[in-house]
C-alpha atoms as a PDB file:
ATOM      1  CA  UNK A   1      -0.001   0.035   0.029  1.00  0.00           C
ATOM      2  CA  UNK A   2       2.886   2.351   0.859  1.00  0.00           C
ATOM      3  CA  UNK A   3       4.602   1.540  -2.383  1.00  0.00           C
ATOM      4  CA  UNK A   4       1.497   2.391  -4.446  1.00  0.00           C
ATOM      5  CA  UNK A   5       0.792   5.566  -2.439  1.00  0.00           C
ATOM      6  CA  UNK A   6       4.475   6.649  -2.869  1.00  0.00           C
ATOM      7  CA  UNK A   7       4.209   6.033  -6.648  1.00  0.00           C
ATOM      8  CA  UNK A   8       0.987   7.935  -7.116  1.00  0.00           C
ATOM      9  CA  UNK A   9       1.903  10.887  -4.867  1.00  0.00           C
ATOM     10  CA  UNK A  10       5.362  11.138  -6.378  1.00  0.00           C
ATOM     11  CA  UNK A  11       3.857  11.197  -9.869  1.00  0.00           C
ATOM     12  CA  UNK A  12       1.240  13.755  -8.894  1.00  0.00           C
ATOM     13  CA  UNK A  13       3.903  16.028  -7.405  1.00  0.00           C
ATOM     14  CA  UNK A  14       5.812  15.928 -10.700  1.00  0.00           C
ATOM     15  CA  UNK A  15       8.972  14.230  -9.400  1.00  0.00           C
ATOM     16  CA  UNK A  16      11.390  12.319 -11.642  1.00  0.00           C
ATOM     17  CA  UNK A  17      10.696   8.651 -12.156  1.00  0.00           C
ATOM     18  CA  UNK A  18      13.991   7.541 -10.563  1.00  0.00           C
ATOM     19  CA  UNK A  19      13.298   9.588  -7.462  1.00  0.00           C
ATOM     20  CA  UNK A  20       9.703   8.257  -7.262  1.00  0.00           C
ATOM     21  CA  UNK A  21      10.836   4.625  -7.488  1.00  0.00           C
ATOM     22  CA  UNK A  22      13.577   5.217  -4.905  1.00  0.00           C
ATOM     23  CA  UNK A  23      11.197   6.761  -2.412  1.00  0.00           C
ATOM     24  CA  UNK A  24       8.535   4.051  -3.149  1.00  0.00           C
ATOM     25  CA  UNK A  25      11.050   1.257  -2.465  1.00  0.00           C
ATOM     26  CA  UNK A  26      12.155   2.898   0.766  1.00  0.00           C
ATOM     27  CA  UNK A  27       8.440   3.294   1.867  1.00  0.00           C
ATOM     28  CA  UNK A  28       7.964  -0.410   0.957  1.00  0.00           C
ATOM     29  CA  UNK A  29      10.915  -1.619   3.072  1.00  0.00           C
ATOM     30  CA  UNK A  30       9.985   0.564   6.022  1.00  0.00           C
ATOM     31  CA  UNK A  31       6.387  -0.566   6.081  1.00  0.00           C
ATOM     32  CA  UNK A  32       7.452  -4.169   5.691  1.00  0.00           C
ATOM     33  CA  UNK A  33       9.709  -3.845   8.753  1.00  0.00           C
ATOM     34  CA  UNK A  34       6.950  -2.177  10.754  1.00  0.00           C
ATOM     35  CA  UNK A  35       4.469  -4.863   9.743  1.00  0.00           C
ATOM     36  CA  UNK A  36       6.970  -7.548  10.698  1.00  0.00           C
ATOM     37  CA  UNK A  37       7.393  -6.061  14.126  1.00  0.00           C
ATOM     38  CA  UNK A  38       3.679  -5.560  14.731  1.00  0.00           C
ATOM     39  CA  UNK A  39       2.997  -9.131  13.525  1.00  0.00           C
ATOM     40  CA  UNK A  40       5.621 -10.611  15.853  1.00  0.00           C
ATOM     41  CA  UNK A  41       4.140  -8.738  18.799  1.00  0.00           C
ATOM     42  CA  UNK A  42       0.614  -9.836  17.916  1.00  0.00           C
ATOM     43  CA  UNK A  43       1.681 -13.490  17.494  1.00  0.00           C
ATOM     44  CA  UNK A  44       3.462 -13.414  20.871  1.00  0.00           C
ATOM     45  CA  UNK A  45       0.379 -11.918  22.543  1.00  0.00           C
ATOM     46  CA  UNK A  46      -1.930 -14.595  21.036  1.00  0.00           C
ATOM     47  CA  UNK A  47       0.450 -17.412  21.947  1.00  0.00           C
ATOM     48  CA  UNK A  48       0.752 -16.117  25.512  1.00  0.00           C
ATOM     49  CA  UNK A  49      -2.994 -16.050  25.810  1.00  0.00           C
ATOM     50  CA  UNK A  50      -3.335 -19.523  24.454  1.00  0.00           C
ATOM     51  CA  UNK A  51      -0.742 -20.801  26.988  1.00  0.00           C
ATOM     52  CA  UNK A  52      -2.486 -19.077  29.829  1.00  0.00           C
ATOM     53  CA  UNK A  53      -5.824 -20.590  28.772  1.00  0.00           C
ATOM     54  CA  UNK A  54      -4.279 -24.103  28.611  1.00  0.00           C
ATOM     55  CA  UNK A  55      -2.816 -23.605  32.099  1.00  0.00           C
ATOM     56  CA  UNK A  56      -6.225 -22.500  33.485  1.00  0.00           C
ATOM     57  CA  UNK A  57      -8.216 -25.232  31.677  1.00  0.00           C
ATOM     58  CA  UNK A  58      -6.155 -28.410  31.638  1.00  0.00           C
ATOM     59  CA  UNK A  59      -7.478 -31.507  29.992  1.00  0.00           C
ATOM     60  CA  UNK A  60      -7.227 -34.242  32.511  1.00  0.00           C
ATOM     61  CA  UNK A  61      -7.095 -37.788  31.125  1.00  0.00           C
ATOM     62  CA  UNK A  62      -5.882 -41.009  32.667  1.00  0.00           C
ATOM     63  CA  UNK A  63      -2.915 -42.599  30.962  1.00  0.00           C
ATOM     64  CA  UNK A  64      -4.749 -45.746  30.171  1.00  0.00           C
ATOM     65  CA  UNK A  65      -7.534 -43.896  28.451  1.00  0.00           C
ATOM     66  CA  UNK A  66      -5.022 -42.090  26.233  1.00  0.00           C
ATOM     67  CA  UNK A  67      -3.522 -45.404  25.081  1.00  0.00           C
ATOM     68  CA  UNK A  68      -6.778 -47.325  24.523  1.00  0.00           C
ATOM     69  CA  UNK A  69      -9.628 -45.509  22.674  1.00  0.00           C
ATOM     70  CA  UNK A  70     -11.989 -48.435  23.609  1.00  0.00           C
ATOM     71  CA  UNK A  71     -11.623 -47.437  27.258  1.00  0.00           C
ATOM     72  CA  UNK A  72     -13.260 -44.065  26.744  1.00  0.00           C
ATOM     73  CA  UNK A  73     -16.922 -43.879  27.779  1.00  0.00           C
ATOM     74  CA  UNK A  74     -19.556 -44.302  25.004  1.00  0.00           C
ATOM     75  CA  UNK A  75     -16.826 -45.149  22.530  1.00  0.00           C
ATOM     76  CA  UNK A  76     -17.803 -47.601  19.787  1.00  0.00           C
ATOM     77  CA  UNK A  77     -15.089 -49.513  18.114  1.00  0.00           C
ATOM     78  CA  UNK A  78     -16.110 -51.130  14.867  1.00  0.00           C
ATOM     79  CA  UNK A  79     -13.932 -53.678  12.907  1.00  0.00           C
ATOM     80  CA  UNK A  80     -12.225 -52.152   9.903  1.00  0.00           C
ATOM     81  CA  UNK A  81     -14.183 -54.420   7.544  1.00  0.00           C
ATOM     82  CA  UNK A  82     -17.530 -53.157   8.849  1.00  0.00           C
ATOM     83  CA  UNK A  83     -16.462 -49.624   8.785  1.00  0.00           C
ATOM     84  CA  UNK A  84     -15.300 -49.802   5.182  1.00  0.00           C
ATOM     85  CA  UNK A  85     -18.270 -51.977   4.191  1.00  0.00           C
ATOM     86  CA  UNK A  86     -16.038 -54.462   2.490  1.00  0.00           C
ATOM     87  CA  UNK A  87     -16.794 -57.455   4.608  1.00  0.00           C
ATOM     88  CA  UNK A  88     -16.417 -60.850   2.672  1.00  0.00           C
ATOM     89  CA  UNK A  89     -19.736 -62.025   4.255  1.00  0.00           C
ATOM     90  CA  UNK A  90     -21.708 -59.215   2.508  1.00  0.00           C
ATOM     91  CA  UNK A  91     -21.089 -60.540  -0.971  1.00  0.00           C
ATOM     92  CA  UNK A  92     -19.174 -57.502  -2.409  1.00  0.00           C
END
């Protein structure tokens, strides 16, 4: 955006094309660096908030339930053949 603004405003002011491009590239680099800094700060703030939320709301699971999905309440474990509907008894 800064690059385009510098081009248009430099052209409207009647500056030479070399000077317009030089200033536009400087504006581009400066705005890129500012955006990089603001983005890094925002990313850090969001990550800190996520970490804080995870500390305040831990997910408590027993080790055996993590290892065995069938041990979870209301879990239905179907054989692979039934899930894929390719059982040899169905006559496919």
